[in-house]
Amino acid sequence: MKWTDINDIAIELTDAYPDKDPLKVNFVDLRDWVMALPGFNDDPKHCGEKILEAIQQAWIDEAS
């Protein structure tokens, strides 16, 4: 997975952190959790606030 695989990342986060509220996750933790996902392999420098916002929103949508 790459940073641009927003929906796949959201699905993986929903599975990996079922008890976490995506609205309450700070971007530092979110970035670390995404990079720790199995199958994730992208440069941390390719991640910015807009990507993290998109991932967070997709995770919110997936979790609801």
PDB file of N, CA and C in Angstrom:
ATOM      1  N   MET A   1       0.833  -1.180   0.000  1.00  0.00           N
ATOM      2  CA  MET A   1       0.000   0.000   0.000  1.00  0.00           C
ATOM      3  C   MET A   1       0.877   1.243   0.000  1.00  0.00           C
ATOM      4  N   LYS A   2       0.350   2.264  -0.610  1.00  0.00           N
ATOM      5  CA  LYS A   2       1.007   3.568  -0.663  1.00  0.00           C
ATOM      6  C   LYS A   2       0.099   4.590   0.025  1.00  0.00           C
ATOM      7  N   TRP A   3       0.630   5.771   0.271  1.00  0.00           N
ATOM      8  CA  TRP A   3      -0.158   6.827   0.927  1.00  0.00           C
ATOM      9  C   TRP A   3      -1.430   7.140   0.151  1.00  0.00           C
ATOM     10  N   THR A   4      -1.403   6.960  -1.151  1.00  0.00           N
ATOM     11  CA  THR A   4      -2.564   7.298  -1.970  1.00  0.00           C
ATOM     12  C   THR A   4      -3.652   6.222  -1.947  1.00  0.00           C
ATOM     13  N   ASP A   5      -3.392   5.099  -1.320  1.00  0.00           N
ATOM     14  CA  ASP A   5      -4.391   4.026  -1.206  1.00  0.00           C
ATOM     15  C   ASP A   5      -5.303   4.293   0.000  1.00  0.00           C
ATOM     16  N   ILE A   6      -5.959   5.431  -0.054  1.00  0.00           N
ATOM     17  CA  ILE A   6      -6.723   5.949   1.084  1.00  0.00           C
ATOM     18  C   ILE A   6      -7.757   4.944   1.598  1.00  0.00           C
ATOM     19  N   ASN A   7      -8.570   4.398   0.704  1.00  0.00           N
ATOM     20  CA  ASN A   7      -9.644   3.491   1.137  1.00  0.00           C
ATOM     21  C   ASN A   7      -9.098   2.181   1.702  1.00  0.00           C
ATOM     22  N   ASP A   8      -8.062   1.651   1.086  1.00  0.00           N
ATOM     23  CA  ASP A   8      -7.449   0.426   1.605  1.00  0.00           C
ATOM     24  C   ASP A   8      -6.862   0.657   2.995  1.00  0.00           C
ATOM     25  N   ILE A   9      -6.234   1.810   3.171  1.00  0.00           N
ATOM     26  CA  ILE A   9      -5.673   2.147   4.481  1.00  0.00           C
ATOM     27  C   ILE A   9      -6.779   2.266   5.516  1.00  0.00           C
ATOM     28  N   ALA A  10      -7.882   2.902   5.147  1.00  0.00           N
ATOM     29  CA  ALA A  10      -9.007   3.063   6.080  1.00  0.00           C
ATOM     30  C   ALA A  10      -9.561   1.708   6.516  1.00  0.00           C
ATOM     31  N   ILE A  11      -9.680   0.793   5.585  1.00  0.00           N
ATOM     32  CA  ILE A  11     -10.177  -0.550   5.909  1.00  0.00           C
ATOM     33  C   ILE A  11      -9.218  -1.244   6.873  1.00  0.00           C
ATOM     34  N   GLU A  12      -7.925  -1.158   6.573  1.00  0.00           N
ATOM     35  CA  GLU A  12      -6.918  -1.779   7.447  1.00  0.00           C
ATOM     36  C   GLU A  12      -6.922  -1.153   8.844  1.00  0.00           C
ATOM     37  N   LEU A  13      -7.065   0.162   8.924  1.00  0.00           N
ATOM     38  CA  LEU A  13      -7.110   0.831  10.236  1.00  0.00           C
ATOM     39  C   LEU A  13      -8.342   0.413  11.024  1.00  0.00           C
ATOM     40  N   THR A  14      -9.471   0.264  10.353  1.00  0.00           N
ATOM     41  CA  THR A  14     -10.703  -0.179  11.010  1.00  0.00           C
ATOM     42  C   THR A  14     -10.514  -1.568  11.610  1.00  0.00           C
ATOM     43  N   ASP A  15      -9.841  -2.438  10.870  1.00  0.00           N
ATOM     44  CA  ASP A  15      -9.583  -3.798  11.358  1.00  0.00           C
ATOM     45  C   ASP A  15      -8.540  -3.810  12.473  1.00  0.00           C
ATOM     46  N   ALA A  16      -7.495  -2.993  12.330  1.00  0.00           N
ATOM     47  CA  ALA A  16      -6.382  -3.016  13.276  1.00  0.00           C
ATOM     48  C   ALA A  16      -6.697  -2.292  14.584  1.00  0.00           C
ATOM     49  N   TYR A  17      -7.565  -1.291  14.527  1.00  0.00           N
ATOM     50  CA  TYR A  17      -7.862  -0.472  15.709  1.00  0.00           C
ATOM     51  C   TYR A  17      -9.377  -0.325  15.885  1.00  0.00           C
ATOM     52  N   PRO A  18     -10.063  -1.440  16.124  1.00  0.00           N
ATOM     53  CA  PRO A  18     -11.531  -1.388  16.190  1.00  0.00           C
ATOM     54  C   PRO A  18     -12.064  -0.557  17.363  1.00  0.00           C
ATOM     55  N   ASP A  19     -11.277  -0.394  18.410  1.00  0.00           N
ATOM     56  CA  ASP A  19     -11.749   0.344  19.581  1.00  0.00           C
ATOM     57  C   ASP A  19     -11.355   1.818  19.558  1.00  0.00           C
ATOM     58  N   LYS A  20     -10.661   2.252  18.509  1.00  0.00           N
ATOM     59  CA  LYS A  20     -10.226   3.647  18.426  1.00  0.00           C
ATOM     60  C   LYS A  20     -11.267   4.481  17.678  1.00  0.00           C
ATOM     61  N   ASP A  21     -11.491   5.692  18.174  1.00  0.00           N
ATOM     62  CA  ASP A  21     -12.365   6.645  17.504  1.00  0.00           C
ATOM     63  C   ASP A  21     -11.495   7.480  16.569  1.00  0.00           C
ATOM     64  N   PRO A  22     -11.691   7.359  15.253  1.00  0.00           N
ATOM     65  CA  PRO A  22     -10.832   8.086  14.322  1.00  0.00           C
ATOM     66  C   PRO A  22     -10.876   9.601  14.509  1.00  0.00           C
ATOM     67  N   LEU A  23     -11.954  10.103  15.086  1.00  0.00           N
ATOM     68  CA  LEU A  23     -12.056  11.544  15.335  1.00  0.00           C
ATOM     69  C   LEU A  23     -11.102  12.013  16.429  1.00  0.00           C
ATOM     70  N   LYS A  24     -10.662  11.088  17.270  1.00  0.00           N
ATOM     71  CA  LYS A  24      -9.823  11.450  18.408  1.00  0.00           C
ATOM     72  C   LYS A  24      -8.358  11.074  18.223  1.00  0.00           C
ATOM     73  N   VAL A  25      -8.000  10.640  17.023  1.00  0.00           N
ATOM     74  CA  VAL A  25      -6.616  10.227  16.745  1.00  0.00           C
ATOM     75  C   VAL A  25      -5.845  11.433  16.202  1.00  0.00           C
ATOM     76  N   ASN A  26      -4.715  11.736  16.825  1.00  0.00           N
ATOM     77  CA  ASN A  26      -3.903  12.840  16.305  1.00  0.00           C
ATOM     78  C   ASN A  26      -3.101  12.357  15.092  1.00  0.00           C
ATOM     79  N   PHE A  27      -2.657  13.310  14.303  1.00  0.00           N
ATOM     80  CA  PHE A  27      -2.008  12.965  13.038  1.00  0.00           C
ATOM     81  C   PHE A  27      -0.660  12.281  13.220  1.00  0.00           C
ATOM     82  N   VAL A  28       0.025  12.542  14.317  1.00  0.00           N
ATOM     83  CA  VAL A  28       1.302  11.865  14.571  1.00  0.00           C
ATOM     84  C   VAL A  28       1.051  10.368  14.768  1.00  0.00           C
ATOM     85  N   ASP A  29       0.064  10.028  15.606  1.00  0.00           N
ATOM     86  CA  ASP A  29      -0.284   8.617  15.813  1.00  0.00           C
ATOM     87  C   ASP A  29      -0.804   7.989  14.526  1.00  0.00           C
ATOM     88  N   LEU A  30      -1.671   8.706  13.830  1.00  0.00           N
ATOM     89  CA  LEU A  30      -2.243   8.177  12.596  1.00  0.00           C
ATOM     90  C   LEU A  30      -1.139   7.838  11.595  1.00  0.00           C
ATOM     91  N   ARG A  31      -0.192   8.729  11.427  1.00  0.00           N
ATOM     92  CA  ARG A  31       0.925   8.491  10.512  1.00  0.00           C
ATOM     93  C   ARG A  31       1.709   7.252  10.924  1.00  0.00           C
ATOM     94  N   ASP A  32       1.997   7.138  12.219  1.00  0.00           N
ATOM     95  CA  ASP A  32       2.744   5.978  12.716  1.00  0.00           C
ATOM     96  C   ASP A  32       1.963   4.685  12.507  1.00  0.00           C
ATOM     97  N   TRP A  33       0.668   4.722  12.770  1.00  0.00           N
ATOM     98  CA  TRP A  33      -0.160   3.518  12.630  1.00  0.00           C
ATOM     99  C   TRP A  33      -0.247   3.083  11.172  1.00  0.00           C
ATOM    100  N   VAL A  34      -0.382   4.040  10.270  1.00  0.00           N
ATOM    101  CA  VAL A  34      -0.432   3.695   8.845  1.00  0.00           C
ATOM    102  C   VAL A  34       0.882   3.042   8.423  1.00  0.00           C
ATOM    103  N   MET A  35       1.996   3.630   8.835  1.00  0.00           N
ATOM    104  CA  MET A  35       3.293   3.072   8.443  1.00  0.00           C
ATOM    105  C   MET A  35       3.527   1.685   9.035  1.00  0.00           C
ATOM    106  N   ALA A  36       2.847   1.357  10.130  1.00  0.00           N
ATOM    107  CA  ALA A  36       2.999   0.048  10.769  1.00  0.00           C
ATOM    108  C   ALA A  36       2.072  -1.010  10.184  1.00  0.00           C
ATOM    109  N   LEU A  37       1.151  -0.618   9.322  1.00  0.00           N
ATOM    110  CA  LEU A  37       0.210  -1.593   8.757  1.00  0.00           C
ATOM    111  C   LEU A  37       0.950  -2.619   7.902  1.00  0.00           C
ATOM    112  N   PRO A  38       0.523  -3.884   7.988  1.00  0.00           N
ATOM    113  CA  PRO A  38       1.120  -4.902   7.121  1.00  0.00           C
ATOM    114  C   PRO A  38       0.865  -4.551   5.655  1.00  0.00           C
ATOM    115  N   GLY A  39       1.862  -4.650   4.863  1.00  0.00           N
ATOM    116  CA  GLY A  39       1.700  -4.363   3.446  1.00  0.00           C
ATOM    117  C   GLY A  39       1.901  -2.907   3.076  1.00  0.00           C
ATOM    118  N   PHE A  40       2.068  -2.047   4.069  1.00  0.00           N
ATOM    119  CA  PHE A  40       2.323  -0.646   3.756  1.00  0.00           C
ATOM    120  C   PHE A  40       3.797  -0.465   3.465  1.00  0.00           C
ATOM    121  N   ASN A  41       4.082   0.162   2.325  1.00  0.00           N
ATOM    122  CA  ASN A  41       5.471   0.339   1.919  1.00  0.00           C
ATOM    123  C   ASN A  41       5.582   1.602   1.082  1.00  0.00           C
ATOM    124  N   ASP A  42       5.702   2.733   1.765  1.00  0.00           N
ATOM    125  CA  ASP A  42       5.865   3.994   1.055  1.00  0.00           C
ATOM    126  C   ASP A  42       6.770   4.903   1.880  1.00  0.00           C
ATOM    127  N   ASP A  43       7.303   5.883   1.234  1.00  0.00           N
ATOM    128  CA  ASP A  43       8.227   6.816   1.863  1.00  0.00           C
ATOM    129  C   ASP A  43       7.459   7.740   2.810  1.00  0.00           C
ATOM    130  N   PRO A  44       7.878   7.822   4.072  1.00  0.00           N
ATOM    131  CA  PRO A  44       7.207   8.723   5.021  1.00  0.00           C
ATOM    132  C   PRO A  44       7.208  10.178   4.553  1.00  0.00           C
ATOM    133  N   LYS A  45       8.162  10.546   3.729  1.00  0.00           N
ATOM    134  CA  LYS A  45       8.238  11.920   3.225  1.00  0.00           C
ATOM    135  C   LYS A  45       7.118  12.241   2.234  1.00  0.00           C
ATOM    136  N   HIS A  46       6.449  11.225   1.728  1.00  0.00           N
ATOM    137  CA  HIS A  46       5.356  11.428   0.781  1.00  0.00           C
ATOM    138  C   HIS A  46       4.036  11.712   1.479  1.00  0.00           C
ATOM    139  N   CYS A  47       4.063  11.758   2.793  1.00  0.00           N
ATOM    140  CA  CYS A  47       2.846  11.969   3.569  1.00  0.00           C
ATOM    141  C   CYS A  47       2.780  13.420   4.039  1.00  0.00           C
ATOM    142  N   GLY A  48       1.603  14.010   3.891  1.00  0.00           N
ATOM    143  CA  GLY A  48       1.372  15.362   4.376  1.00  0.00           C
ATOM    144  C   GLY A  48       0.033  15.448   5.078  1.00  0.00           C
ATOM    145  N   GLU A  49      -0.273  16.641   5.540  1.00  0.00           N
ATOM    146  CA  GLU A  49      -1.513  16.845   6.296  1.00  0.00           C
ATOM    147  C   GLU A  49      -2.754  16.518   5.468  1.00  0.00           C
ATOM    148  N   LYS A  50      -2.745  16.867   4.189  1.00  0.00           N
ATOM    149  CA  LYS A  50      -3.918  16.592   3.344  1.00  0.00           C
ATOM    150  C   LYS A  50      -4.156  15.090   3.201  1.00  0.00           C
ATOM    151  N   ILE A  51      -3.110  14.327   3.060  1.00  0.00           N
ATOM    152  CA  ILE A  51      -3.255  12.870   2.962  1.00  0.00           C
ATOM    153  C   ILE A  51      -3.777  12.307   4.275  1.00  0.00           C
ATOM    154  N   LEU A  52      -3.243  12.769   5.394  1.00  0.00           N
ATOM    155  CA  LEU A  52      -3.710  12.285   6.690  1.00  0.00           C
ATOM    156  C   LEU A  52      -5.167  12.661   6.924  1.00  0.00           C
ATOM    157  N   GLU A  53      -5.562  13.854   6.502  1.00  0.00           N
ATOM    158  CA  GLU A  53      -6.967  14.247   6.619  1.00  0.00           C
ATOM    159  C   GLU A  53      -7.861  13.330   5.794  1.00  0.00           C
ATOM    160  N   ALA A  54      -7.428  13.012   4.597  1.00  0.00           N
ATOM    161  CA  ALA A  54      -8.205  12.121   3.726  1.00  0.00           C
ATOM    162  C   ALA A  54      -8.298  10.718   4.318  1.00  0.00           C
ATOM    163  N   ILE A  55      -7.199  10.235   4.876  1.00  0.00           N
ATOM    164  CA  ILE A  55      -7.203   8.914   5.518  1.00  0.00           C
ATOM    165  C   ILE A  55      -8.144   8.929   6.715  1.00  0.00           C
ATOM    166  N   GLN A  56      -8.059   9.975   7.531  1.00  0.00           N
ATOM    167  CA  GLN A  56      -8.921  10.065   8.709  1.00  0.00           C
ATOM    168  C   GLN A  56     -10.393  10.084   8.290  1.00  0.00           C
ATOM    169  N   GLN A  57     -10.737  10.863   7.272  1.00  0.00           N
ATOM    170  CA  GLN A  57     -12.132  10.921   6.823  1.00  0.00           C
ATOM    171  C   GLN A  57     -12.599   9.574   6.288  1.00  0.00           C
ATOM    172  N   ALA A  58     -11.755   8.913   5.519  1.00  0.00           N
ATOM    173  CA  ALA A  58     -12.115   7.592   4.989  1.00  0.00           C
ATOM    174  C   ALA A  58     -12.293   6.593   6.115  1.00  0.00           C
ATOM    175  N   TRP A  59     -11.464   6.696   7.154  1.00  0.00           N
ATOM    176  CA  TRP A  59     -11.581   5.816   8.324  1.00  0.00           C
ATOM    177  C   TRP A  59     -12.888   6.094   9.060  1.00  0.00           C
ATOM    178  N   ILE A  60     -13.248   7.353   9.206  1.00  0.00           N
ATOM    179  CA  ILE A  60     -14.519   7.719   9.844  1.00  0.00           C
ATOM    180  C   ILE A  60     -15.669   7.109   9.059  1.00  0.00           C
ATOM    181  N   ASP A  61     -15.636   7.247   7.730  1.00  0.00           N
ATOM    182  CA  ASP A  61     -16.683   6.699   6.874  1.00  0.00           C
ATOM    183  C   ASP A  61     -16.748   5.174   6.985  1.00  0.00           C
ATOM    184  N   GLU A  62     -15.591   4.540   7.019  1.00  0.00           N
ATOM    185  CA  GLU A  62     -15.513   3.072   7.100  1.00  0.00           C
ATOM    186  C   GLU A  62     -16.021   2.566   8.445  1.00  0.00           C
ATOM    187  N   ALA A  63     -15.726   3.301   9.505  1.00  0.00           N
ATOM    188  CA  ALA A  63     -16.090   2.866  10.854  1.00  0.00           C
ATOM    189  C   ALA A  63     -17.566   3.088  11.160  1.00  0.00           C
ATOM    190  N   SER A  64     -18.234   3.927  10.396  1.00  0.00           N
ATOM    191  CA  SER A  64     -19.653   4.220  10.713  1.00  0.00           C
ATOM    192  C   SER A  64     -20.619   3.329   9.971  1.00  0.00           C
TER     193      SER A  64
END
